[in-house]
Amino acid sequence: MERLLNLSCFADTTLDAGNRSGSSAGPDGGRGHLSVFSVLVLTLLAMLVVATFLWNGLVLATIFRVRTFHRVPHNLVASMAISDVMVAALVMPLSLVRELSGRRWRLGRSLCQVWISFDVLCCTASIWNVTAIALDRYWSITRHLEYTLRIRRRISNIMIALTWALSAFISLAPLLFGWGETYSEDSEECQVSQEPSYTIFSTFGAFYLPLCVVLFVYWKIYKAAKFRIGSRKSNSITPITPEALEVGKRSCPAATDGLHCPSRHCYVPDGRRHVERAEGKESCPHGGHPYRGLCALLDPFLHHRAHQPPLLM
């Protein structure tokens, strides 16, 4: 359920080449007939509408029916699925009607405004839901101790509310503030407001800003994952080799097998492995050993493993 079908703007920008090359206009400016290519494309779009609705409907049904999915981040995925279901149910069918009418809008001003508003609303909400999922993953990886389940649920609900509020503001701005016109009765056109200021505002808020956030967040996730993998490799246990056993005998003269020393900890001079004592209360006879200071430094951290046998691989 990483990324759902989001085909909101696909139906608005197709069939133009097919209409110019293979269809002829009637005397009233309408369409005389459709070419074979146009019929195939319209059939494909109809199938995509059904597939989008069914796919996202199955995702919602799965999340609602499976109890283990009633948590973060599945609520964010459910929010994205709702926006995509709305695209398939409210936006794409009217786009097909518009294509069948020769890319002319003959359903009136009110329905045009509703269609454009839902189109921008669902597109923007789907994009910002992807951004919310990326932020949730980033905080889960980088702040897994502070980012508890309760805080995660609260923040995810806030992100969902902000996502839909911002999307509604962007989509309803032309209607609320008279920011351009979406319907032209003379040319029978229905499209998003072409006002330059609204175009800059809507494209920045609905595309460029979430794009920058997603790219930055996933870059930080990559850096955090790379750092974790590197630290895990550096903390891996190195098997004891016969050479290390010989070095252990030389570093701990009182040991009989090269592993057990009467001291608490005798450091093997390979820099990665220290050999622990089985028992003893005397201090380790370091002599002139170059690592003699490490026994005192590592003693507080390794005291709880004093009676464990050495690890042999």
Protein backbone atom coordinates (compact mmCIF):
# COMPACT_ATOMS: atom_id res chain seq x y z
CA MET A 1 0.00 0.00 0.00
CA GLU A 2 2.89 2.31 -0.62
CA ARG A 3 1.31 4.42 -3.39
CA LEU A 4 -2.26 4.21 -4.60
CA LEU A 5 -3.65 4.95 -8.04
CA ASN A 6 -3.96 8.69 -8.44
CA LEU A 7 -5.22 9.49 -11.92
CA SER A 8 -6.99 12.74 -11.15
CA CYS A 9 -5.46 14.92 -13.85
CA PHE A 10 -5.00 12.25 -16.49
CA ALA A 11 -8.48 12.49 -17.95
CA ASP A 12 -8.22 16.26 -18.44
CA THR A 13 -5.22 16.23 -20.77
CA THR A 14 -5.79 13.33 -23.19
CA LEU A 15 -7.52 12.77 -26.49
CA ASP A 16 -6.41 16.13 -27.88
CA ALA A 17 -4.18 14.60 -30.54
CA GLY A 18 -6.77 11.99 -31.42
CA ASN A 19 -9.53 14.58 -31.71
CA ARG A 20 -7.50 16.76 -34.03
CA SER A 21 -6.40 13.93 -36.30
CA GLY A 22 -9.29 11.51 -36.43
CA SER A 23 -12.59 13.28 -35.69
CA SER A 24 -14.56 15.76 -37.72
CA ALA A 25 -16.82 18.53 -36.49
CA GLY A 26 -20.45 18.87 -37.46
CA PRO A 27 -22.10 22.04 -38.70
CA ASP A 28 -23.12 23.05 -35.19
CA GLY A 29 -19.58 22.88 -33.89
CA GLY A 30 -20.19 19.47 -32.29
CA ARG A 31 -18.54 16.20 -33.07
CA GLY A 32 -19.60 14.26 -36.09
CA HIS A 33 -17.95 10.97 -35.25
CA LEU A 34 -15.15 9.53 -33.15
CA SER A 35 -12.06 7.93 -34.56
CA VAL A 36 -10.99 4.43 -33.61
CA PHE A 37 -8.13 5.87 -31.60
CA SER A 38 -10.48 8.11 -29.63
CA VAL A 39 -12.80 5.21 -28.86
CA LEU A 40 -9.88 3.12 -27.61
CA VAL A 41 -8.61 5.94 -25.41
CA LEU A 42 -12.06 6.59 -23.99
CA THR A 43 -12.45 2.89 -23.24
CA LEU A 44 -9.09 2.85 -21.51
CA LEU A 45 -10.04 5.89 -19.43
CA ALA A 46 -13.32 4.27 -18.42
CA MET A 47 -11.44 1.16 -17.32
CA LEU A 48 -9.01 3.31 -15.34
CA VAL A 49 -11.92 5.01 -13.58
CA VAL A 50 -13.34 1.66 -12.50
CA ALA A 51 -9.93 0.28 -11.53
CA THR A 52 -9.09 3.37 -9.47
CA PHE A 53 -12.37 3.20 -7.61
CA LEU A 54 -12.18 -0.55 -6.95
CA TRP A 55 -8.50 -0.54 -5.95
CA ASN A 56 -8.81 2.26 -3.43
CA GLY A 57 -12.14 0.87 -2.22
CA LEU A 58 -10.43 -2.43 -1.44
CA VAL A 59 -7.69 -0.58 0.42
CA LEU A 60 -10.26 1.24 2.57
CA ALA A 61 -12.21 -1.96 3.21
CA THR A 62 -9.03 -3.74 4.29
CA ILE A 63 -8.03 -0.96 6.68
CA PHE A 64 -11.50 -0.72 8.21
CA ARG A 65 -12.02 -4.49 8.61
CA VAL A 66 -8.57 -5.51 9.90
CA ARG A 67 -8.21 -4.38 13.49
CA THR A 68 -4.41 -4.29 13.42
CA PHE A 69 -4.58 -1.63 10.70
CA HIS A 70 -6.44 0.82 12.97
CA ARG A 71 -3.25 2.70 13.80
CA VAL A 72 -0.52 4.86 12.34
CA PRO A 73 0.52 4.95 9.51
CA HIS A 74 -2.52 3.17 8.09
CA ASN A 75 -4.77 6.13 8.94
CA LEU A 76 -2.58 8.25 6.65
CA VAL A 77 -2.91 5.63 3.92
CA ALA A 78 -6.69 5.61 4.46
CA SER A 79 -6.78 9.39 4.06
CA MET A 80 -4.92 9.11 0.76
CA ALA A 81 -7.26 6.33 -0.39
CA ILE A 82 -10.29 8.50 0.38
CA SER A 83 -8.93 11.30 -1.79
CA ASP A 84 -8.30 8.87 -4.65
CA VAL A 85 -11.78 7.34 -4.32
CA MET A 86 -13.22 10.84 -4.58
CA VAL A 87 -11.18 11.40 -7.73
CA ALA A 88 -12.56 8.23 -9.29
CA ALA A 89 -16.16 8.92 -8.21
CA LEU A 90 -16.49 12.69 -8.72
CA VAL A 91 -13.77 13.96 -11.04
CA MET A 92 -12.93 11.35 -13.65
CA PRO A 93 -16.52 10.54 -14.80
CA LEU A 94 -17.21 14.22 -15.53
CA SER A 95 -13.89 14.37 -17.36
CA LEU A 96 -15.11 11.57 -19.63
CA VAL A 97 -18.35 13.44 -20.27
CA ARG A 98 -16.35 16.51 -21.22
CA GLU A 99 -14.22 14.49 -23.63
CA LEU A 100 -17.28 12.95 -25.23
CA SER A 101 -18.69 16.46 -25.74
CA GLY A 102 -15.70 17.56 -27.80
CA ARG A 103 -13.87 19.06 -24.81
CA ARG A 104 -16.77 21.46 -24.29
CA TRP A 105 -18.59 21.88 -20.99
CA ARG A 106 -22.36 21.74 -21.43
CA LEU A 107 -23.38 21.01 -17.84
CA GLY A 108 -23.68 24.57 -16.55
CA ARG A 109 -21.66 26.92 -14.38
CA SER A 110 -22.54 25.44 -11.00
CA LEU A 111 -21.51 21.91 -11.88
CA CYS A 112 -18.32 23.26 -13.48
CA GLN A 113 -17.34 25.00 -10.26
CA VAL A 114 -18.07 21.86 -8.24
CA TRP A 115 -16.04 19.71 -10.63
CA ILE A 116 -13.02 22.04 -10.64
CA SER A 117 -13.14 22.42 -6.84
CA PHE A 118 -13.19 18.67 -6.23
CA ASP A 119 -10.48 18.13 -8.82
CA VAL A 120 -8.07 20.55 -7.12
CA LEU A 121 -9.13 19.39 -3.65
CA CYS A 122 -8.51 15.70 -4.28
CA CYS A 123 -5.26 16.20 -6.20
CA THR A 124 -3.82 18.44 -3.50
CA ALA A 125 -4.99 16.21 -0.64
CA SER A 126 -3.49 13.11 -2.24
CA ILE A 127 -0.11 14.82 -2.72
CA TRP A 128 -0.01 16.17 0.83
CA ASN A 129 -1.00 12.77 2.22
CA VAL A 130 2.13 11.36 0.59
CA THR A 131 4.10 14.12 2.29
CA ALA A 132 2.52 13.28 5.66
CA ILE A 133 3.48 9.60 5.25
CA ALA A 134 7.07 10.61 4.49
CA LEU A 135 7.23 12.84 7.59
CA ASP A 136 5.83 10.04 9.75
CA ARG A 137 8.50 7.64 8.51
CA TYR A 138 11.24 10.19 9.09
CA TRP A 139 10.23 10.85 12.70
CA SER A 140 9.82 7.12 13.35
CA ILE A 141 13.41 6.48 12.25
CA THR A 142 15.19 9.50 13.69
CA ARG A 143 13.16 9.96 16.91
CA HIS A 144 11.97 6.47 17.69
CA LEU A 145 12.33 6.97 21.45
CA GLU A 146 10.44 10.28 21.71
CA TYR A 147 7.99 9.47 18.89
CA THR A 148 5.77 7.15 20.93
CA LEU A 149 2.54 5.58 19.71
CA ARG A 150 0.36 8.17 21.44
CA ILE A 151 2.35 11.11 20.06
CA ARG A 152 2.45 9.46 16.64
CA ARG A 153 -1.34 9.08 16.59
CA ARG A 154 -1.87 12.67 17.66
CA ILE A 155 0.56 14.10 15.10
CA SER A 156 -0.89 11.96 12.30
CA ASN A 157 -4.39 13.23 13.05
CA ILE A 158 -3.11 16.80 13.01
CA MET A 159 -1.36 16.21 9.67
CA ILE A 160 -4.54 14.74 8.17
CA ALA A 161 -6.59 17.74 9.33
CA LEU A 162 -4.02 20.21 7.99
CA THR A 163 -3.82 18.33 4.70
CA TRP A 164 -7.54 18.59 4.00
CA ALA A 165 -7.77 22.17 5.32
CA LEU A 166 -4.95 23.36 3.06
CA SER A 167 -6.37 21.47 0.09
CA ALA A 168 -9.82 22.98 0.66
CA PHE A 169 -8.36 26.48 0.90
CA ILE A 170 -6.45 26.10 -2.36
CA SER A 171 -9.43 24.63 -4.22
CA LEU A 172 -12.04 27.11 -2.93
CA ALA A 173 -9.88 30.24 -3.23
CA PRO A 174 -11.27 31.25 -6.68
CA LEU A 175 -14.84 30.98 -5.36
CA LEU A 176 -14.23 32.68 -2.02
CA PHE A 177 -12.05 35.55 -3.20
CA GLY A 178 -13.05 35.89 -6.85
CA TRP A 179 -9.58 34.71 -7.89
CA GLY A 180 -10.19 34.27 -11.61
CA GLU A 181 -12.98 32.56 -13.52
CA THR A 182 -13.40 28.82 -14.08
CA TYR A 183 -16.33 28.80 -16.54
CA SER A 184 -16.81 30.59 -19.85
CA GLU A 185 -20.36 30.41 -21.16
CA ASP A 186 -19.53 31.76 -24.63
CA SER A 187 -16.81 29.22 -25.42
CA GLU A 188 -18.28 26.50 -23.18
CA GLU A 189 -15.00 25.99 -21.37
CA CYS A 190 -14.51 24.74 -17.84
CA GLN A 191 -10.98 24.82 -16.45
CA VAL A 192 -8.94 25.82 -13.44
CA SER A 193 -8.59 29.56 -12.96
CA GLN A 194 -5.92 30.96 -15.25
CA GLU A 195 -5.25 34.03 -13.10
CA PRO A 196 -1.42 34.28 -12.93
CA SER A 197 -1.31 34.93 -9.19
CA TYR A 198 -3.61 31.99 -8.45
CA THR A 199 -1.62 29.75 -10.78
CA ILE A 200 1.59 30.52 -8.88
CA PHE A 201 -0.13 30.08 -5.51
CA SER A 202 -1.86 26.81 -6.36
CA THR A 203 1.08 25.16 -8.12
CA PHE A 204 3.48 26.10 -5.33
CA GLY A 205 1.13 24.96 -2.55
CA ALA A 206 -0.12 21.83 -4.29
CA PHE A 207 3.02 20.57 -5.99
CA TYR A 208 6.38 22.30 -5.54
CA LEU A 209 6.25 22.70 -1.75
CA PRO A 210 5.27 19.07 -0.99
CA LEU A 211 7.77 17.89 -3.60
CA CYS A 212 10.61 19.69 -1.84
CA VAL A 213 9.49 18.35 1.54
CA VAL A 214 9.32 14.75 0.30
CA LEU A 215 12.73 14.91 -1.39
CA PHE A 216 14.36 16.45 1.69
CA VAL A 217 12.71 13.98 4.09
CA TYR A 218 13.65 10.89 2.10
CA TRP A 219 17.20 12.17 1.76
CA LYS A 220 17.35 12.48 5.55
CA ILE A 221 15.87 8.98 5.89
CA TYR A 222 18.58 7.63 3.59
CA LYS A 223 21.30 9.35 5.63
CA ALA A 224 19.87 8.01 8.90
CA ALA A 225 19.58 4.47 7.55
CA LYS A 226 23.12 4.60 6.18
CA PHE A 227 24.44 5.80 9.57
CA ARG A 228 22.64 2.97 11.38
CA ILE A 229 23.98 0.33 9.04
CA GLY A 230 27.51 1.67 9.45
CA SER A 231 27.30 1.73 13.24
CA ARG A 232 25.90 -1.80 13.31
CA LYS A 233 28.79 -3.08 11.24
CA SER A 234 31.33 -1.36 13.50
CA ASN A 235 29.77 -2.99 16.58
CA SER A 236 29.79 -6.51 15.18
CA ILE A 237 31.60 -9.31 17.08
CA THR A 238 34.82 -10.57 15.57
CA PRO A 239 35.59 -14.30 15.98
CA ILE A 240 38.72 -15.27 17.91
CA THR A 241 41.43 -16.59 15.65
CA PRO A 242 44.36 -18.81 16.66
CA GLU A 243 46.62 -15.78 16.30
CA ALA A 244 44.49 -13.89 18.80
CA LEU A 245 44.75 -16.79 21.25
CA GLU A 246 48.54 -16.68 21.00
CA VAL A 247 48.48 -12.94 21.62
CA GLY A 248 46.22 -13.53 24.62
CA LYS A 249 48.74 -15.95 26.09
CA ARG A 250 51.50 -13.39 25.72
CA SER A 251 49.42 -10.53 27.13
CA CYS A 252 48.24 -12.59 30.15
CA PRO A 253 51.20 -14.72 31.33
CA ALA A 254 49.20 -16.22 34.19
CA ALA A 255 46.62 -17.72 31.81
CA THR A 256 46.95 -21.37 30.92
CA ASP A 257 44.81 -21.50 27.79
CA GLY A 258 45.21 -18.00 26.41
CA LEU A 259 41.63 -17.06 27.32
CA HIS A 260 41.26 -16.95 31.08
CA CYS A 261 43.36 -14.54 33.06
CA PRO A 262 43.34 -14.03 36.84
CA SER A 263 42.50 -10.40 36.22
CA ARG A 264 39.02 -9.11 35.60
CA HIS A 265 39.58 -8.25 31.93
CA CYS A 266 42.58 -8.82 29.71
CA TYR A 267 42.44 -6.96 26.41
CA VAL A 268 43.46 -8.84 23.28
CA PRO A 269 45.72 -6.53 21.28
CA ASP A 270 43.70 -6.76 18.04
CA GLY A 271 41.75 -3.71 19.14
CA ARG A 272 38.34 -5.40 18.83
CA ARG A 273 38.06 -8.16 21.40
CA HIS A 274 38.75 -8.44 25.11
CA VAL A 275 38.97 -11.78 26.91
CA GLU A 276 37.15 -11.99 30.16
CA ARG A 277 38.26 -13.85 33.24
CA ALA A 278 36.45 -16.84 34.69
CA GLU A 279 37.35 -15.85 38.22
CA GLY A 280 40.10 -14.12 40.09
CA LYS A 281 40.77 -11.18 42.32
CA GLU A 282 44.33 -10.27 41.43
CA SER A 283 45.28 -7.47 39.13
CA CYS A 284 46.32 -8.42 35.63
CA PRO A 285 50.10 -8.59 35.27
CA HIS A 286 50.26 -6.27 32.27
CA GLY A 287 53.96 -5.70 32.44
CA GLY A 288 54.95 -3.64 29.46
CA HIS A 289 51.77 -4.38 27.48
CA PRO A 290 50.78 -1.39 25.32
CA TYR A 291 47.04 -1.87 26.13
CA ARG A 292 47.34 -2.10 29.87
CA GLY A 293 45.30 1.08 30.46
CA LEU A 294 42.24 -0.40 28.75
CA CYS A 295 41.63 -2.90 31.55
CA ALA A 296 40.82 -0.06 33.93
CA LEU A 297 38.72 1.82 31.35
CA LEU A 298 36.61 -1.15 30.30
CA ASP A 299 36.18 -2.68 33.74
CA PRO A 300 32.94 -0.84 34.72
CA PHE A 301 31.26 -1.74 31.44
CA LEU A 302 32.29 -5.39 31.39
CA HIS A 303 31.96 -6.28 35.04
CA HIS A 304 28.48 -7.78 34.52
CA ARG A 305 30.00 -10.30 32.09
CA ALA A 306 32.79 -11.38 34.40
CA HIS A 307 31.56 -14.93 34.86
CA GLN A 308 30.53 -15.61 31.27
CA PRO A 309 32.69 -17.98 29.24
CA PRO A 310 34.52 -16.52 26.26
CA LEU A 311 32.77 -16.45 22.89
CA LEU A 312 34.22 -18.93 20.43
CA MET A 313 33.21 -18.91 16.76
